[in-house]
Amino acid sequence: MLERVLRGIAGAMVLISLALAYGHSPKWLILTGVMGLNLLQSALTNWCPMMPILRKMGLNGQKQKTSYNE
């Protein structure tokens, strides 16, 4: 669950920054670059700064039991 939320936030931030770059200022592409660097850093180190924030919000890394993953 936690990883899914994390990927969703990253994807949303990239799409939002692209929309803002298209509609307002190309400087918003800096946010896209920062998100890309963060994803690369996360892949190499297996640590993401957003994880502790999501855990404090009550999300944990355990799989939730659903009918399709039993």
Protein backbone atom coordinates (compact mmCIF):
# COMPACT_ATOMS: atom_id res chain seq x y z
CA MET A 1 0.00 0.00 0.00
CA LEU A 2 2.74 2.45 0.98
CA GLU A 3 4.70 1.94 -2.23
CA ARG A 4 1.56 2.40 -4.31
CA VAL A 5 0.76 5.70 -2.64
CA LEU A 6 4.36 6.82 -3.07
CA ARG A 7 4.34 6.03 -6.81
CA GLY A 8 1.00 7.80 -7.16
CA ILE A 9 2.32 10.95 -5.50
CA ALA A 10 5.46 10.94 -7.67
CA GLY A 11 3.45 10.47 -10.85
CA ALA A 12 0.98 13.18 -9.90
CA MET A 13 3.79 15.64 -9.11
CA VAL A 14 5.43 15.01 -12.49
CA LEU A 15 2.15 15.49 -14.36
CA ILE A 16 1.27 18.62 -12.37
CA SER A 17 4.69 20.15 -13.02
CA LEU A 18 4.39 19.38 -16.74
CA ALA A 19 0.96 21.02 -16.87
CA LEU A 20 2.26 24.07 -15.02
CA ALA A 21 5.28 24.28 -17.36
CA TYR A 22 2.99 24.14 -20.37
CA GLY A 23 0.45 26.61 -19.03
CA HIS A 24 2.51 29.07 -17.01
CA SER A 25 6.29 28.92 -17.09
CA PRO A 26 8.95 26.50 -18.30
CA LYS A 27 10.65 26.99 -14.92
CA TRP A 28 8.19 24.41 -13.53
CA LEU A 29 10.27 21.78 -15.36
CA ILE A 30 12.77 22.17 -12.53
CA LEU A 31 10.25 20.34 -10.32
CA THR A 32 10.03 17.57 -12.93
CA GLY A 33 13.83 17.26 -12.84
CA VAL A 34 13.91 17.19 -9.05
CA MET A 35 11.29 14.43 -9.01
CA GLY A 36 13.31 12.45 -11.56
CA LEU A 37 16.47 12.80 -9.49
CA ASN A 38 14.58 11.77 -6.36
CA LEU A 39 13.22 8.66 -8.10
CA LEU A 40 16.70 7.75 -9.31
CA GLN A 41 18.19 8.31 -5.84
CA SER A 42 15.41 6.20 -4.33
CA ALA A 43 16.10 3.36 -6.76
CA LEU A 44 19.82 3.39 -5.94
CA THR A 45 19.59 3.77 -2.15
CA ASN A 46 16.19 2.19 -1.39
CA TRP A 47 15.30 5.29 0.68
CA CYS A 48 12.85 8.05 -0.12
CA PRO A 49 12.26 11.21 1.95
CA MET A 50 8.49 10.83 1.52
CA MET A 51 8.37 7.44 3.31
CA PRO A 52 8.64 8.79 6.90
CA ILE A 53 5.99 11.40 6.10
CA LEU A 54 3.57 8.77 4.81
CA ARG A 55 4.25 6.56 7.84
CA LYS A 56 3.47 9.48 10.18
CA MET A 57 0.20 9.89 8.27
CA GLY A 58 -0.70 6.33 9.28
CA LEU A 59 0.27 4.35 6.19
CA ASN A 60 2.43 1.30 6.74
CA GLY A 61 4.42 -0.96 4.47
CA GLN A 62 2.38 -4.10 5.12
CA LYS A 63 0.27 -5.61 2.38
CA GLN A 64 -3.43 -5.29 2.91
CA LYS A 65 -5.35 -8.50 2.47
CA THR A 66 -7.70 -8.42 -0.49
CA SER A 67 -9.50 -11.15 -2.35
CA TYR A 68 -7.17 -10.97 -5.36
CA ASN A 69 -3.82 -11.35 -3.53
CA GLU A 70 -4.63 -14.24 -1.20
